[in-house]
C-alpha atoms as a PDB file:
ATOM      1  CA  LYS A   1    -119.237   2.816 -28.418  1.00  0.00           C
ATOM      2  CA  LEU A   2    -120.500   0.180 -26.289  1.00  0.00           C
ATOM      3  CA  MET A   3    -117.751  -1.617 -27.690  1.00  0.00           C
ATOM      4  CA  LEU A   4    -114.607   0.801 -27.055  1.00  0.00           C
ATOM      5  CA  SER A   5    -115.847   1.543 -23.679  1.00  0.00           C
ATOM      6  CA  SER A   6    -114.884  -2.010 -23.518  1.00  0.00           C
ATOM      7  CA  GLY A   7    -111.228  -2.619 -23.158  1.00  0.00           C
ATOM      8  CA  HIS A   8    -107.953  -0.658 -24.163  1.00  0.00           C
ATOM      9  CA  PHE A   9    -107.063  -0.344 -28.526  1.00  0.00           C
ATOM     10  CA  ASP A  10    -103.517   0.967 -29.163  1.00  0.00           C
ATOM     11  CA  ALA A  11    -105.530   1.693 -32.620  1.00  0.00           C
ATOM     12  CA  ILE A  12    -108.681   2.505 -33.904  1.00  0.00           C
ATOM     13  CA  LEU A  13    -108.564   2.392 -38.248  1.00  0.00           C
ATOM     14  CA  THR A  14    -111.726   2.664 -39.646  1.00  0.00           C
ATOM     15  CA  ASP A  15    -113.362   4.512 -43.151  1.00  0.00           C
ATOM     16  CA  LEU A  16    -114.573   7.410 -42.732  1.00  0.00           C
ATOM     17  CA  TRP A  17    -117.561   6.303 -44.361  1.00  0.00           C
ATOM     18  CA  MET A  18    -119.369   3.462 -43.908  1.00  0.00           C
ATOM     19  CA  GLU A  19    -122.761   2.901 -46.109  1.00  0.00           C
ATOM     20  CA  LYS A  20    -123.072   5.453 -46.602  1.00  0.00           C
ATOM     21  CA  GLU A  21    -122.334   7.697 -43.587  1.00  0.00           C
ATOM     22  CA  ASP A  22    -119.997   8.605 -41.464  1.00  0.00           C
ATOM     23  CA  ILE A  23    -120.047   6.366 -39.013  1.00  0.00           C
ATOM     24  CA  GLY A  24    -116.257   6.337 -39.177  1.00  0.00           C
ATOM     25  CA  LEU A  25    -116.110   8.939 -38.272  1.00  0.00           C
ATOM     26  CA  GLU A  26    -118.068   9.206 -35.162  1.00  0.00           C
ATOM     27  CA  LEU A  27    -116.193   6.237 -34.082  1.00  0.00           C
ATOM     28  CA  ALA A  28    -112.963   9.022 -34.444  1.00  0.00           C
ATOM     29  CA  ARG A  29    -114.708  11.132 -32.079  1.00  0.00           C
ATOM     30  CA  SER A  30    -115.745   8.251 -29.666  1.00  0.00           C
ATOM     31  CA  ALA A  31    -112.571   7.572 -29.604  1.00  0.00           C
ATOM     32  CA  SER A  32    -110.082  10.331 -29.115  1.00  0.00           C
ATOM     33  CA  LYS A  33    -111.450  10.933 -26.162  1.00  0.00           C
ATOM     34  CA  LEU A  34    -110.675   7.286 -24.345  1.00  0.00           C
ATOM     35  CA  LYS A  35    -107.590   7.528 -21.943  1.00  0.00           C
ATOM     36  CA  PRO A  36    -105.334   6.430 -23.838  1.00  0.00           C
ATOM     37  CA  ARG A  37    -106.149   7.607 -26.529  1.00  0.00           C
ATOM     38  CA  PRO A  38    -105.498   5.141 -29.407  1.00  0.00           C
ATOM     39  CA  VAL A  39    -103.859   6.327 -32.865  1.00  0.00           C
ATOM     40  CA  ILE A  40    -106.249   7.216 -34.781  1.00  0.00           C
ATOM     41  CA  VAL A  41    -106.207   6.546 -38.758  1.00  0.00           C
ATOM     42  CA  ILE A  42    -108.855   7.558 -40.929  1.00  0.00           C
ATOM     43  CA  PHE A  43    -109.057   6.140 -45.250  1.00  0.00           C
ATOM     44  CA  THR A  44    -111.421   6.687 -47.342  1.00  0.00           C
ATOM     45  CA  GLY A  45    -112.078   6.037 -51.329  1.00  0.00           C
ATOM     46  CA  TYR A  46    -113.511   9.743 -51.354  1.00  0.00           C
ATOM     47  CA  GLY A  47    -110.408  12.321 -51.419  1.00  0.00           C
ATOM     48  CA  SER A  48    -112.119  15.070 -51.486  1.00  0.00           C
ATOM     49  CA  ALA A  49    -111.063  18.552 -49.350  1.00  0.00           C
ATOM     50  CA  SER A  50    -114.133  18.798 -47.770  1.00  0.00           C
ATOM     51  CA  ASN A  51    -113.677  14.413 -46.262  1.00  0.00           C
ATOM     52  CA  ALA A  52    -110.312  15.947 -45.197  1.00  0.00           C
ATOM     53  CA  ARG A  53    -111.363  17.984 -43.708  1.00  0.00           C
ATOM     54  CA  ALA A  54    -113.865  16.190 -41.538  1.00  0.00           C
ATOM     55  CA  ALA A  55    -111.717  14.040 -40.905  1.00  0.00           C
ATOM     56  CA  LEU A  56    -108.796  16.398 -39.270  1.00  0.00           C
ATOM     57  CA  SER A  57    -111.637  17.720 -37.569  1.00  0.00           C
ATOM     58  CA  VAL A  58    -111.361  15.254 -34.950  1.00  0.00           C
ATOM     59  CA  PRO A  59    -108.140  13.881 -33.530  1.00  0.00           C
ATOM     60  CA  VAL A  60    -106.631  12.037 -36.485  1.00  0.00           C
ATOM     61  CA  ASP A  61    -103.382  10.495 -36.477  1.00  0.00           C
ATOM     62  CA  TYR A  62    -103.302   9.606 -39.869  1.00  0.00           C
ATOM     63  CA  PHE A  63    -105.281  10.416 -43.136  1.00  0.00           C
ATOM     64  CA  ALA A  64    -105.008   7.829 -46.291  1.00  0.00           C
ATOM     65  CA  LEU A  65    -106.174   7.416 -49.477  1.00  0.00           C
ATOM     66  CA  LYS A  66    -107.731   4.091 -50.618  1.00  0.00           C
ATOM     67  CA  PRO A  67    -106.195   1.819 -52.476  1.00  0.00           C
ATOM     68  CA  LEU A  68    -104.041   1.173 -49.217  1.00  0.00           C
ATOM     69  CA  ASP A  69    -100.117   0.831 -48.895  1.00  0.00           C
ATOM     70  CA  VAL A  70    -100.045  -2.019 -46.148  1.00  0.00           C
ATOM     71  CA  ASP A  71     -97.076  -1.763 -46.028  1.00  0.00           C
ATOM     72  CA  GLU A  72     -96.458   1.588 -46.394  1.00  0.00           C
ATOM     73  CA  LEU A  73     -99.802   1.302 -43.469  1.00  0.00           C
ATOM     74  CA  LYS A  74     -97.699  -1.443 -41.342  1.00  0.00           C
ATOM     75  CA  ARG A  75     -94.207   1.099 -41.093  1.00  0.00           C
ATOM     76  CA  VAL A  76     -96.816   4.144 -40.451  1.00  0.00           C
ATOM     77  CA  LEU A  77     -98.419   2.208 -37.107  1.00  0.00           C
ATOM     78  CA  ASN A  78     -95.840   0.741 -35.672  1.00  0.00           C
ATOM     79  CA  ARG A  79     -94.285   4.835 -36.026  1.00  0.00           C
ATOM     80  CA  LEU A  80     -97.634   6.422 -34.467  1.00  0.00           C
ATOM     81  CA  VAL A  81     -98.049   3.518 -31.806  1.00  0.00           C
ATOM     82  CA  VAL A  82     -94.036   3.531 -31.130  1.00  0.00           C
ATOM     83  CA  ALA A  83     -94.277   6.794 -30.333  1.00  0.00           C
ATOM     84  CA  ASN A  84     -97.652   7.296 -29.026  1.00  0.00           C
ATOM     85  CA  GLY A  85     -96.435   4.663 -25.738  1.00  0.00           C
ATOM     86  CA  THR A  86     -99.646   3.090 -25.480  1.00  0.00           C
ATOM     87  CA  GLN A  87     -98.675  -0.388 -27.513  1.00  0.00           C
ATOM     88  CA  ARG A  88     -98.736  -3.586 -25.802  1.00  0.00           C
ATOM     89  CA  GLY A  89     -97.048  -6.268 -27.649  1.00  0.00           C
ATOM     90  CA  TRP A  90     -97.424  -4.161 -30.503  1.00  0.00           C
ATOM     91  CA  ARG A  91     -96.287  -5.904 -32.747  1.00  0.00           C
ATOM     92  CA  SER A  92     -96.567  -5.136 -36.780  1.00  0.00           C
END
């Protein structure tokens, strides 16, 4: 949370589960309260319906399953960050 409060972020990318805890989900919740709100992308290797519901319980812009397609992720991030209007020197 301290890191989130220290600056402006165009996008936050996080794994849903880190070290068997929902740290990524908590990060997304905290990031969704920032002004301006960054684009939030959550990815996971555990593609269950309950995980998708958990990720969508916060304002998430994109939910992806591992393995990630890096080119697709770049396209999605570029589109979302530009649409969000918060980009500062954004390059995909």
